[in-house]
Amino acid sequence: MICEYIKLKSESRNHFSISSNHTELRTSSSLFPYRGVMIARNQEVCTVDGKLQSNCFHLSVQFAQLGYQIQFFDSSSNIETAVSLISTIAKAVKEKSMDAFHETFEPKIYDLSGKQVGEFQYVTVKGSTPKDTYYYRKLVLCGVEVFVYVVGLDMKGIYFCMYDAFGTMIATVSKRVQVKNGKSRYTLYILNDAWFSYVALITAMLHQLDYEGKEKDGIGLGSRKQILHTFQKGLLEKYNPHFIDAVIQKENPKNLPENMPKVFEKVKESQNTVGLTLSRIIALVFFLSFGTLLLYLFFLS
């Protein structure tokens, strides 16, 4: 099975406020998460939507017959969270390990009834030397385990290499180096359809954890490259250069991303820069207005 994951939309909103006595100015910028779609055999097979709620961020991943809510930790939400974070950092320092810190930020997965059915764990592999140490992630969902290793081959691409609990490779997800107008794209090469929902969940979570945001994909116009160089031998061994070709050989050529009209349709939608241009104009107007107001209050004082 081959599936294309296309990021469609992300939005940034700027806010500012002034206290009643004109002595305090506040400005903030919030990144509202993206919307994404997955296409296989020229059909939409999965949608991904994000929402910021109180003290955490929720990612909704919806398939034809089932759906999941993924909860991400937000460290700036409230005092209880801040205290918990300080306690976690103190524990990490005491134990000389970051595992406790990463565990705090592990995404939790819930079914649509609100029952927790899984999590996305962070696992550290300590090598003989510090530079040989690396980490991977483990999806645990309804008793099924999938291990994912992120391997970067410089300009060739970034690959999410996934294995089942028995050490069999079930998928390789290829992330394109080039990111156009803040929209990442991924191609999912999956051993068979039975693994699709697991691979889709992992891809959505890894994008949110590692590539979403202004400092990564960005939300502005233009093109940027995302390059990763993996040097740890243990990680490099997880990449199988023949797996993708083997999946392609089994698939009908019309189901390759470059041959699916639906992919072209959604890529065109994602690259509609009218909204991005408008956002940039609004942001410019906002900062000019804010600067003018700041100068006005300065001269008044």
C-alpha atoms as a PDB file:
ATOM      1  CA  MET A   1       0.000   0.000   0.000  1.00  0.00           C
ATOM      2  CA  ILE A   2       1.226   3.487  -0.899  1.00  0.00           C
ATOM      3  CA  CYS A   3      -0.310   6.580   0.645  1.00  0.00           C
ATOM      4  CA  GLU A   4       0.420  10.288   0.294  1.00  0.00           C
ATOM      5  CA  TYR A   5       0.109  12.611   3.303  1.00  0.00           C
ATOM      6  CA  ILE A   6      -0.373  16.266   2.397  1.00  0.00           C
ATOM      7  CA  LYS A   7      -0.430  19.115   4.881  1.00  0.00           C
ATOM      8  CA  LEU A   8      -3.183  21.458   3.768  1.00  0.00           C
ATOM      9  CA  LYS A   9      -3.353  24.342   6.180  1.00  0.00           C
ATOM     10  CA  SER A  10      -1.863  26.086   9.192  1.00  0.00           C
ATOM     11  CA  GLU A  11      -2.651  29.477  10.609  1.00  0.00           C
ATOM     12  CA  SER A  12      -0.920  31.970  12.873  1.00  0.00           C
ATOM     13  CA  ARG A  13      -2.847  34.527  14.905  1.00  0.00           C
ATOM     14  CA  ASN A  14      -1.335  37.567  16.570  1.00  0.00           C
ATOM     15  CA  HIS A  15      -2.815  39.173  19.689  1.00  0.00           C
ATOM     16  CA  PHE A  16      -2.088  42.322  21.640  1.00  0.00           C
ATOM     17  CA  SER A  17      -3.686  44.059  24.604  1.00  0.00           C
ATOM     18  CA  ILE A  18      -3.284  47.272  26.553  1.00  0.00           C
ATOM     19  CA  SER A  19      -4.096  47.711  30.227  1.00  0.00           C
ATOM     20  CA  SER A  20      -6.609  50.334  31.275  1.00  0.00           C
ATOM     21  CA  ASN A  21      -3.997  52.763  32.610  1.00  0.00           C
ATOM     22  CA  HIS A  22      -1.938  52.624  29.397  1.00  0.00           C
ATOM     23  CA  THR A  23       1.118  51.427  31.275  1.00  0.00           C
ATOM     24  CA  GLU A  24       1.314  47.861  30.028  1.00  0.00           C
ATOM     25  CA  LEU A  25       1.434  46.414  26.528  1.00  0.00           C
ATOM     26  CA  ARG A  26       1.235  42.721  25.744  1.00  0.00           C
ATOM     27  CA  THR A  27       1.732  40.916  22.456  1.00  0.00           C
ATOM     28  CA  SER A  28       1.637  37.226  21.644  1.00  0.00           C
ATOM     29  CA  SER A  29       1.550  34.933  18.653  1.00  0.00           C
ATOM     30  CA  SER A  30      -0.272  31.596  18.575  1.00  0.00           C
ATOM     31  CA  LEU A  31       0.213  28.880  16.010  1.00  0.00           C
ATOM     32  CA  PHE A  32      -3.010  27.086  15.223  1.00  0.00           C
ATOM     33  CA  PRO A  33      -2.252  23.600  13.920  1.00  0.00           C
ATOM     34  CA  TYR A  34      -2.577  22.306  10.447  1.00  0.00           C
ATOM     35  CA  ARG A  35      -5.123  20.259   8.628  1.00  0.00           C
ATOM     36  CA  GLY A  36      -3.910  17.300   6.622  1.00  0.00           C
ATOM     37  CA  VAL A  37      -5.234  14.575   4.367  1.00  0.00           C
ATOM     38  CA  MET A  38      -3.987  11.118   3.392  1.00  0.00           C
ATOM     39  CA  ILE A  39      -4.722   9.708  -0.056  1.00  0.00           C
ATOM     40  CA  ALA A  40      -4.367   6.115  -1.225  1.00  0.00           C
ATOM     41  CA  ARG A  41      -5.674   4.543  -4.444  1.00  0.00           C
ATOM     42  CA  ASN A  42      -6.988   7.982  -5.398  1.00  0.00           C
ATOM     43  CA  GLN A  43      -9.290   8.146  -2.348  1.00  0.00           C
ATOM     44  CA  GLU A  44      -9.138  10.174   0.857  1.00  0.00           C
ATOM     45  CA  VAL A  45      -8.501   7.512   3.484  1.00  0.00           C
ATOM     46  CA  CYS A  46      -7.626   9.634   6.507  1.00  0.00           C
ATOM     47  CA  THR A  47      -7.968  13.233   7.718  1.00  0.00           C
ATOM     48  CA  VAL A  48      -5.904  14.945  10.397  1.00  0.00           C
ATOM     49  CA  ASP A  49      -7.113  18.008  12.300  1.00  0.00           C
ATOM     50  CA  GLY A  50      -5.664  19.865  15.267  1.00  0.00           C
ATOM     51  CA  LYS A  51      -7.191  21.949  18.028  1.00  0.00           C
ATOM     52  CA  LEU A  52      -5.679  23.862  20.935  1.00  0.00           C
ATOM     53  CA  GLN A  53      -7.657  23.227  24.128  1.00  0.00           C
ATOM     54  CA  SER A  54      -6.974  24.663  27.613  1.00  0.00           C
ATOM     55  CA  ASN A  55      -3.733  22.997  28.721  1.00  0.00           C
ATOM     56  CA  CYS A  56      -3.050  20.677  25.819  1.00  0.00           C
ATOM     57  CA  PHE A  57      -3.167  20.264  22.077  1.00  0.00           C
ATOM     58  CA  HIS A  58      -5.411  17.659  20.474  1.00  0.00           C
ATOM     59  CA  LEU A  59      -4.833  16.024  17.112  1.00  0.00           C
ATOM     60  CA  SER A  60      -7.792  14.210  15.609  1.00  0.00           C
ATOM     61  CA  VAL A  61      -6.976  11.365  13.209  1.00  0.00           C
ATOM     62  CA  GLN A  62     -10.072  10.062  11.448  1.00  0.00           C
ATOM     63  CA  PHE A  63     -10.275   6.930   9.293  1.00  0.00           C
ATOM     64  CA  ALA A  64     -13.298   5.537   7.461  1.00  0.00           C
ATOM     65  CA  GLN A  65     -14.363   3.214  10.274  1.00  0.00           C
ATOM     66  CA  LEU A  66     -12.584   4.577  13.365  1.00  0.00           C
ATOM     67  CA  GLY A  67     -10.910   7.613  14.787  1.00  0.00           C
ATOM     68  CA  TYR A  68      -8.477   8.655  17.505  1.00  0.00           C
ATOM     69  CA  GLN A  69      -7.743  11.746  19.564  1.00  0.00           C
ATOM     70  CA  ILE A  70      -4.087  12.363  20.358  1.00  0.00           C
ATOM     71  CA  GLN A  71      -3.289  14.580  23.311  1.00  0.00           C
ATOM     72  CA  PHE A  72      -0.044  16.538  23.378  1.00  0.00           C
ATOM     73  CA  PHE A  73       1.328  18.154  26.513  1.00  0.00           C
ATOM     74  CA  ASP A  74       1.409  21.965  26.653  1.00  0.00           C
ATOM     75  CA  SER A  75       4.012  23.235  29.108  1.00  0.00           C
ATOM     76  CA  SER A  76       2.737  26.823  29.326  1.00  0.00           C
ATOM     77  CA  SER A  77      -0.863  26.186  30.275  1.00  0.00           C
ATOM     78  CA  ASN A  78      -1.155  26.554  34.038  1.00  0.00           C
ATOM     79  CA  ILE A  79       0.682  26.532  37.347  1.00  0.00           C
ATOM     80  CA  GLU A  80       0.054  22.834  37.966  1.00  0.00           C
ATOM     81  CA  THR A  81       1.732  21.996  34.684  1.00  0.00           C
ATOM     82  CA  ALA A  82       4.666  24.280  35.513  1.00  0.00           C
ATOM     83  CA  VAL A  83       5.190  22.622  38.896  1.00  0.00           C
ATOM     84  CA  SER A  84       5.009  19.189  37.276  1.00  0.00           C
ATOM     85  CA  LEU A  85       7.553  20.261  34.663  1.00  0.00           C
ATOM     86  CA  ILE A  86       9.991  21.558  37.310  1.00  0.00           C
ATOM     87  CA  SER A  87       9.643  18.299  39.235  1.00  0.00           C
ATOM     88  CA  THR A  88      10.324  16.306  36.073  1.00  0.00           C
ATOM     89  CA  ILE A  89      13.441  18.333  35.243  1.00  0.00           C
ATOM     90  CA  ALA A  90      14.722  17.895  38.803  1.00  0.00           C
ATOM     91  CA  LYS A  91      14.230  14.129  38.522  1.00  0.00           C
ATOM     92  CA  ALA A  92      16.049  14.069  35.182  1.00  0.00           C
ATOM     93  CA  VAL A  93      19.015  15.939  36.668  1.00  0.00           C
ATOM     94  CA  LYS A  94      19.120  13.648  39.712  1.00  0.00           C
ATOM     95  CA  GLU A  95      19.009  10.475  37.623  1.00  0.00           C
ATOM     96  CA  LYS A  96      21.302  11.930  34.939  1.00  0.00           C
ATOM     97  CA  SER A  97      18.787  10.812  32.351  1.00  0.00           C
ATOM     98  CA  MET A  98      16.319  12.654  30.127  1.00  0.00           C
ATOM     99  CA  ASP A  99      13.950   9.686  29.947  1.00  0.00           C
ATOM    100  CA  ALA A 100      11.704  11.076  32.696  1.00  0.00           C
ATOM    101  CA  PHE A 101      11.584  14.421  30.912  1.00  0.00           C
ATOM    102  CA  HIS A 102      10.609  12.868  27.593  1.00  0.00           C
ATOM    103  CA  GLU A 103       8.048  10.626  29.287  1.00  0.00           C
ATOM    104  CA  THR A 104       6.201  13.730  30.484  1.00  0.00           C
ATOM    105  CA  PHE A 105       5.750  14.851  26.897  1.00  0.00           C
ATOM    106  CA  GLU A 106       4.710  11.515  25.426  1.00  0.00           C
ATOM    107  CA  PRO A 107       1.486  11.860  23.408  1.00  0.00           C
ATOM    108  CA  LYS A 108      -1.484   9.907  24.745  1.00  0.00           C
ATOM    109  CA  ILE A 109      -3.979   8.284  22.354  1.00  0.00           C
ATOM    110  CA  TYR A 110      -7.719   8.036  23.051  1.00  0.00           C
ATOM    111  CA  ASP A 111     -10.591   6.477  21.151  1.00  0.00           C
ATOM    112  CA  LEU A 112     -13.647   8.566  20.327  1.00  0.00           C
ATOM    113  CA  SER A 113     -15.338   7.561  23.599  1.00  0.00           C
ATOM    114  CA  GLY A 114     -12.501   9.182  25.552  1.00  0.00           C
ATOM    115  CA  LYS A 115     -10.844   5.949  26.694  1.00  0.00           C
ATOM    116  CA  GLN A 116      -7.041   5.895  26.529  1.00  0.00           C
ATOM    117  CA  VAL A 117      -5.996   3.136  24.145  1.00  0.00           C
ATOM    118  CA  GLY A 118      -2.358   3.912  23.531  1.00  0.00           C
ATOM    119  CA  GLU A 119       0.658   6.174  23.797  1.00  0.00           C
ATOM    120  CA  PHE A 120       3.716   7.167  21.818  1.00  0.00           C
ATOM    121  CA  GLN A 121       6.722   6.347  23.954  1.00  0.00           C
ATOM    122  CA  TYR A 122      10.247   7.749  23.838  1.00  0.00           C
ATOM    123  CA  VAL A 123      13.037   5.182  24.235  1.00  0.00           C
ATOM    124  CA  THR A 124      16.758   5.883  24.627  1.00  0.00           C
ATOM    125  CA  VAL A 125      19.403   3.420  23.396  1.00  0.00           C
ATOM    126  CA  LYS A 126      22.732   4.040  25.105  1.00  0.00           C
ATOM    127  CA  GLY A 127      25.783   3.275  23.019  1.00  0.00           C
ATOM    128  CA  SER A 128      29.347   2.554  24.097  1.00  0.00           C
ATOM    129  CA  THR A 129      30.118   6.256  23.641  1.00  0.00           C
ATOM    130  CA  PRO A 130      27.825   9.311  23.948  1.00  0.00           C
ATOM    131  CA  LYS A 131      27.841   9.869  20.202  1.00  0.00           C
ATOM    132  CA  ASP A 132      26.558   6.329  19.640  1.00  0.00           C
ATOM    133  CA  THR A 133      23.528   6.947  21.862  1.00  0.00           C
ATOM    134  CA  TYR A 134      20.245   7.489  20.036  1.00  0.00           C
ATOM    135  CA  TYR A 135      16.531   7.333  20.650  1.00  0.00           C
ATOM    136  CA  TYR A 136      13.533   5.869  18.901  1.00  0.00           C
ATOM    137  CA  ARG A 137       9.796   5.959  19.502  1.00  0.00           C
ATOM    138  CA  LYS A 138       7.395   3.155  20.210  1.00  0.00           C
ATOM    139  CA  LEU A 139       3.692   3.218  19.439  1.00  0.00           C
ATOM    140  CA  VAL A 140       1.619   1.132  21.815  1.00  0.00           C
ATOM    141  CA  LEU A 141      -1.974   0.912  20.590  1.00  0.00           C
ATOM    142  CA  CYS A 142      -4.555  -1.588  21.850  1.00  0.00           C
ATOM    143  CA  GLY A 143      -1.812  -4.076  22.727  1.00  0.00           C
ATOM    144  CA  VAL A 144       0.021  -3.740  19.391  1.00  0.00           C
ATOM    145  CA  GLU A 145       3.570  -2.349  19.366  1.00  0.00           C
ATOM    146  CA  VAL A 146       5.268  -0.574  16.469  1.00  0.00           C
ATOM    147  CA  PHE A 147       8.839   0.715  16.681  1.00  0.00           C
ATOM    148  CA  VAL A 148       9.876   3.728  14.598  1.00  0.00           C
ATOM    149  CA  TYR A 149      13.407   4.944  13.884  1.00  0.00           C
ATOM    150  CA  VAL A 150      14.002   8.301  12.191  1.00  0.00           C
ATOM    151  CA  VAL A 151      16.906   8.188   9.743  1.00  0.00           C
ATOM    152  CA  GLY A 152      18.187  11.191   7.814  1.00  0.00           C
ATOM    153  CA  LEU A 153      20.204  10.660   4.637  1.00  0.00           C
ATOM    154  CA  ASP A 154      21.030  14.308   3.976  1.00  0.00           C
ATOM    155  CA  MET A 155      19.610  15.541   0.637  1.00  0.00           C
ATOM    156  CA  LYS A 156      18.145  12.122  -0.143  1.00  0.00           C
ATOM    157  CA  GLY A 157      15.456  12.569   2.481  1.00  0.00           C
ATOM    158  CA  ILE A 158      14.224  11.785   5.984  1.00  0.00           C
ATOM    159  CA  TYR A 159      12.798   8.317   6.596  1.00  0.00           C
ATOM    160  CA  PHE A 160      10.586   6.920   9.342  1.00  0.00           C
ATOM    161  CA  CYS A 161      11.548   3.241   9.475  1.00  0.00           C
ATOM    162  CA  MET A 162       8.896   1.138  11.230  1.00  0.00           C
ATOM    163  CA  TYR A 163       9.068  -2.399  12.589  1.00  0.00           C
ATOM    164  CA  ASP A 164       6.647  -4.713  14.339  1.00  0.00           C
ATOM    165  CA  ALA A 165       7.335  -6.431  17.659  1.00  0.00           C
ATOM    166  CA  PHE A 166       9.021  -9.349  15.849  1.00  0.00           C
ATOM    167  CA  GLY A 167      11.554  -7.188  14.021  1.00  0.00           C
ATOM    168  CA  THR A 168       9.804  -7.268  10.633  1.00  0.00           C
ATOM    169  CA  MET A 169       9.819  -3.998   8.709  1.00  0.00           C
ATOM    170  CA  ILE A 170       6.227  -2.919   8.095  1.00  0.00           C
ATOM    171  CA  ALA A 171       6.680   0.534   6.591  1.00  0.00           C
ATOM    172  CA  THR A 172       9.025   3.266   5.471  1.00  0.00           C
ATOM    173  CA  VAL A 173       7.686   6.808   5.396  1.00  0.00           C
ATOM    174  CA  SER A 174       9.621   9.221   3.207  1.00  0.00           C
ATOM    175  CA  LYS A 175       9.569  12.932   4.065  1.00  0.00           C
ATOM    176  CA  ARG A 176      10.431  15.272   1.231  1.00  0.00           C
ATOM    177  CA  VAL A 177      13.464  17.492   1.754  1.00  0.00           C
ATOM    178  CA  GLN A 178      11.791  20.456   0.066  1.00  0.00           C
ATOM    179  CA  VAL A 179       9.020  22.181   2.020  1.00  0.00           C
ATOM    180  CA  LYS A 180       7.005  24.597  -0.120  1.00  0.00           C
ATOM    181  CA  ASN A 181       4.999  27.394   1.468  1.00  0.00           C
ATOM    182  CA  GLY A 182       5.148  25.721   4.857  1.00  0.00           C
ATOM    183  CA  LYS A 183       3.563  22.462   3.698  1.00  0.00           C
ATOM    184  CA  SER A 184       5.335  19.181   4.378  1.00  0.00           C
ATOM    185  CA  ARG A 185       4.581  16.081   2.301  1.00  0.00           C
ATOM    186  CA  TYR A 186       5.125  12.443   3.148  1.00  0.00           C
ATOM    187  CA  THR A 187       4.819   9.211   1.181  1.00  0.00           C
ATOM    188  CA  LEU A 188       3.859   6.133   3.197  1.00  0.00           C
ATOM    189  CA  TYR A 189       5.149   2.821   1.816  1.00  0.00           C
ATOM    190  CA  ILE A 190       3.378   0.108   3.806  1.00  0.00           C
ATOM    191  CA  LEU A 191       3.827  -3.659   3.747  1.00  0.00           C
ATOM    192  CA  ASN A 192       0.063  -4.280   3.677  1.00  0.00           C
ATOM    193  CA  ASP A 193      -3.232  -2.531   4.406  1.00  0.00           C
ATOM    194  CA  ALA A 194      -3.520  -3.996   7.901  1.00  0.00           C
ATOM    195  CA  TRP A 195      -0.741  -1.705   9.129  1.00  0.00           C
ATOM    196  CA  PHE A 196      -2.132   1.488   7.599  1.00  0.00           C
ATOM    197  CA  SER A 197      -3.813   2.997  10.685  1.00  0.00           C
ATOM    198  CA  TYR A 198      -0.697   2.458  12.820  1.00  0.00           C
ATOM    199  CA  VAL A 199       1.608   4.011  10.231  1.00  0.00           C
ATOM    200  CA  ALA A 200      -0.778   6.926   9.677  1.00  0.00           C
ATOM    201  CA  LEU A 201      -0.941   7.683  13.410  1.00  0.00           C
ATOM    202  CA  ILE A 202       2.841   7.603  13.754  1.00  0.00           C
ATOM    203  CA  THR A 203       3.323   9.868  10.737  1.00  0.00           C
ATOM    204  CA  ALA A 204       0.814  12.425  12.036  1.00  0.00           C
ATOM    205  CA  MET A 205       2.400  12.435  15.502  1.00  0.00           C
ATOM    206  CA  LEU A 206       5.984  12.697  14.246  1.00  0.00           C
ATOM    207  CA  HIS A 207       5.057  15.618  12.024  1.00  0.00           C
ATOM    208  CA  GLN A 208       3.434  17.418  14.934  1.00  0.00           C
ATOM    209  CA  LEU A 209       6.318  16.660  17.305  1.00  0.00           C
ATOM    210  CA  ASP A 210       9.259  17.336  15.005  1.00  0.00           C
ATOM    211  CA  TYR A 211       8.248  19.456  12.029  1.00  0.00           C
ATOM    212  CA  GLU A 212       5.197  21.589  12.737  1.00  0.00           C
ATOM    213  CA  GLY A 213       5.682  25.190  13.825  1.00  0.00           C
ATOM    214  CA  LYS A 214       7.221  28.415  12.632  1.00  0.00           C
ATOM    215  CA  GLU A 215      10.782  27.304  13.271  1.00  0.00           C
ATOM    216  CA  LYS A 216      10.292  24.102  11.257  1.00  0.00           C
ATOM    217  CA  ASP A 217       7.764  24.079   8.406  1.00  0.00           C
ATOM    218  CA  GLY A 218       7.015  27.728   8.913  1.00  0.00           C
ATOM    219  CA  ILE A 219       3.828  29.374   7.737  1.00  0.00           C
ATOM    220  CA  GLY A 220       5.212  31.898   5.278  1.00  0.00           C
ATOM    221  CA  LEU A 221       5.662  31.893   1.547  1.00  0.00           C
ATOM    222  CA  GLY A 222       8.696  30.393  -0.077  1.00  0.00           C
ATOM    223  CA  SER A 223      10.658  27.186  -0.082  1.00  0.00           C
ATOM    224  CA  ARG A 224      12.995  25.705   2.505  1.00  0.00           C
ATOM    225  CA  LYS A 225      14.938  22.485   2.909  1.00  0.00           C
ATOM    226  CA  GLN A 226      14.736  20.155   5.888  1.00  0.00           C
ATOM    227  CA  ILE A 227      17.855  18.009   6.066  1.00  0.00           C
ATOM    228  CA  LEU A 228      18.842  15.467   8.687  1.00  0.00           C
ATOM    229  CA  HIS A 229      22.212  13.726   8.910  1.00  0.00           C
ATOM    230  CA  THR A 230      22.156  10.461  10.852  1.00  0.00           C
ATOM    231  CA  PHE A 231      25.572   9.165  11.900  1.00  0.00           C
ATOM    232  CA  GLN A 232      24.708   6.586  14.578  1.00  0.00           C
ATOM    233  CA  LYS A 233      25.384   3.120  13.208  1.00  0.00           C
ATOM    234  CA  GLY A 234      22.499   1.603  15.178  1.00  0.00           C
ATOM    235  CA  LEU A 235      20.036   3.962  13.531  1.00  0.00           C
ATOM    236  CA  LEU A 236      21.461   3.689  10.029  1.00  0.00           C
ATOM    237  CA  GLU A 237      21.053  -0.077  10.193  1.00  0.00           C
ATOM    238  CA  LYS A 238      17.286   0.377  10.582  1.00  0.00           C
ATOM    239  CA  TYR A 239      16.982   1.853   7.088  1.00  0.00           C
ATOM    240  CA  ASN A 240      16.379  -0.764   4.394  1.00  0.00           C
ATOM    241  CA  PRO A 241      17.179   0.749   0.968  1.00  0.00           C
ATOM    242  CA  HIS A 242      15.251  -2.008  -0.831  1.00  0.00           C
ATOM    243  CA  PHE A 243      11.966  -1.800   1.082  1.00  0.00           C
ATOM    244  CA  ILE A 244      10.432   1.117  -0.834  1.00  0.00           C
ATOM    245  CA  ASP A 245      11.179  -0.437  -4.222  1.00  0.00           C
ATOM    246  CA  ALA A 246       9.655  -3.732  -3.066  1.00  0.00           C
ATOM    247  CA  VAL A 247       6.399  -1.991  -2.098  1.00  0.00           C
ATOM    248  CA  ILE A 248       6.307  -0.057  -5.382  1.00  0.00           C
ATOM    249  CA  GLN A 249       6.735  -3.276  -7.366  1.00  0.00           C
ATOM    250  CA  LYS A 250       3.666  -4.792  -5.703  1.00  0.00           C
ATOM    251  CA  GLU A 251       1.451  -1.731  -6.257  1.00  0.00           C
ATOM    252  CA  ASN A 252      -0.554  -0.847  -9.341  1.00  0.00           C
ATOM    253  CA  PRO A 253       1.287   2.013 -11.132  1.00  0.00           C
ATOM    254  CA  LYS A 254      -1.875   4.126 -11.179  1.00  0.00           C
ATOM    255  CA  ASN A 255      -1.754   4.161  -7.362  1.00  0.00           C
ATOM    256  CA  LEU A 256       1.631   5.841  -7.185  1.00  0.00           C
ATOM    257  CA  PRO A 257       1.362   9.433  -5.851  1.00  0.00           C
ATOM    258  CA  GLU A 258       2.488  10.986  -9.119  1.00  0.00           C
ATOM    259  CA  ASN A 259      -0.307   9.154 -10.962  1.00  0.00           C
ATOM    260  CA  MET A 260      -3.236   9.948  -8.638  1.00  0.00           C
ATOM    261  CA  PRO A 261      -5.427  12.922  -9.700  1.00  0.00           C
ATOM    262  CA  LYS A 262      -6.606  13.324  -6.105  1.00  0.00           C
ATOM    263  CA  VAL A 263      -3.033  13.987  -4.989  1.00  0.00           C
ATOM    264  CA  PHE A 264      -2.624  16.720  -7.594  1.00  0.00           C
ATOM    265  CA  GLU A 265      -5.925  18.248  -6.473  1.00  0.00           C
ATOM    266  CA  LYS A 266      -4.914  18.380  -2.815  1.00  0.00           C
ATOM    267  CA  VAL A 267      -1.375  19.588  -3.532  1.00  0.00           C
ATOM    268  CA  LYS A 268      -2.866  22.441  -5.542  1.00  0.00           C
ATOM    269  CA  GLU A 269      -5.192  23.236  -2.645  1.00  0.00           C
ATOM    270  CA  SER A 270      -2.303  23.188  -0.169  1.00  0.00           C
ATOM    271  CA  GLN A 271      -0.263  25.534  -2.351  1.00  0.00           C
ATOM    272  CA  ASN A 272      -2.999  28.135  -2.707  1.00  0.00           C
ATOM    273  CA  THR A 273      -0.974  31.112  -1.498  1.00  0.00           C
ATOM    274  CA  VAL A 274      -3.840  33.625  -1.347  1.00  0.00           C
ATOM    275  CA  GLY A 275      -4.436  32.860   2.314  1.00  0.00           C
ATOM    276  CA  LEU A 276      -0.727  32.958   3.100  1.00  0.00           C
ATOM    277  CA  THR A 277      -0.322  36.304   1.356  1.00  0.00           C
ATOM    278  CA  LEU A 278      -3.337  37.711   3.172  1.00  0.00           C
ATOM    279  CA  SER A 279      -1.963  36.464   6.519  1.00  0.00           C
ATOM    280  CA  ARG A 280       1.350  38.174   5.805  1.00  0.00           C
ATOM    281  CA  ILE A 281      -0.415  41.457   4.965  1.00  0.00           C
ATOM    282  CA  ILE A 282      -2.522  41.239   8.134  1.00  0.00           C
ATOM    283  CA  ALA A 283       0.583  40.530  10.218  1.00  0.00           C
ATOM    284  CA  LEU A 284       2.371  43.522   8.671  1.00  0.00           C
ATOM    285  CA  VAL A 285      -0.589  45.799   9.368  1.00  0.00           C
ATOM    286  CA  PHE A 286      -0.740  44.461  12.931  1.00  0.00           C
ATOM    287  CA  PHE A 287       2.913  45.193  13.693  1.00  0.00           C
ATOM    288  CA  LEU A 288       2.771  48.634  12.051  1.00  0.00           C
ATOM    289  CA  SER A 289      -0.309  49.492  14.098  1.00  0.00           C
ATOM    290  CA  PHE A 290       1.296  48.155  17.251  1.00  0.00           C
ATOM    291  CA  GLY A 291       4.472  50.149  16.622  1.00  0.00           C
ATOM    292  CA  THR A 292       2.496  53.327  15.964  1.00  0.00           C
ATOM    293  CA  LEU A 293       0.516  52.801  19.156  1.00  0.00           C
ATOM    294  CA  LEU A 294       3.713  52.210  21.115  1.00  0.00           C
ATOM    295  CA  LEU A 295       5.218  55.465  19.841  1.00  0.00           C
ATOM    296  CA  TYR A 296       1.980  57.309  20.608  1.00  0.00           C
ATOM    297  CA  LEU A 297       1.953  56.092  24.216  1.00  0.00           C
ATOM    298  CA  PHE A 298       5.656  56.858  24.573  1.00  0.00           C
ATOM    299  CA  PHE A 299       5.194  60.500  23.554  1.00  0.00           C
ATOM    300  CA  LEU A 300       2.089  60.805  25.742  1.00  0.00           C
ATOM    301  CA  SER A 301       4.116  59.794  28.764  1.00  0.00           C
END
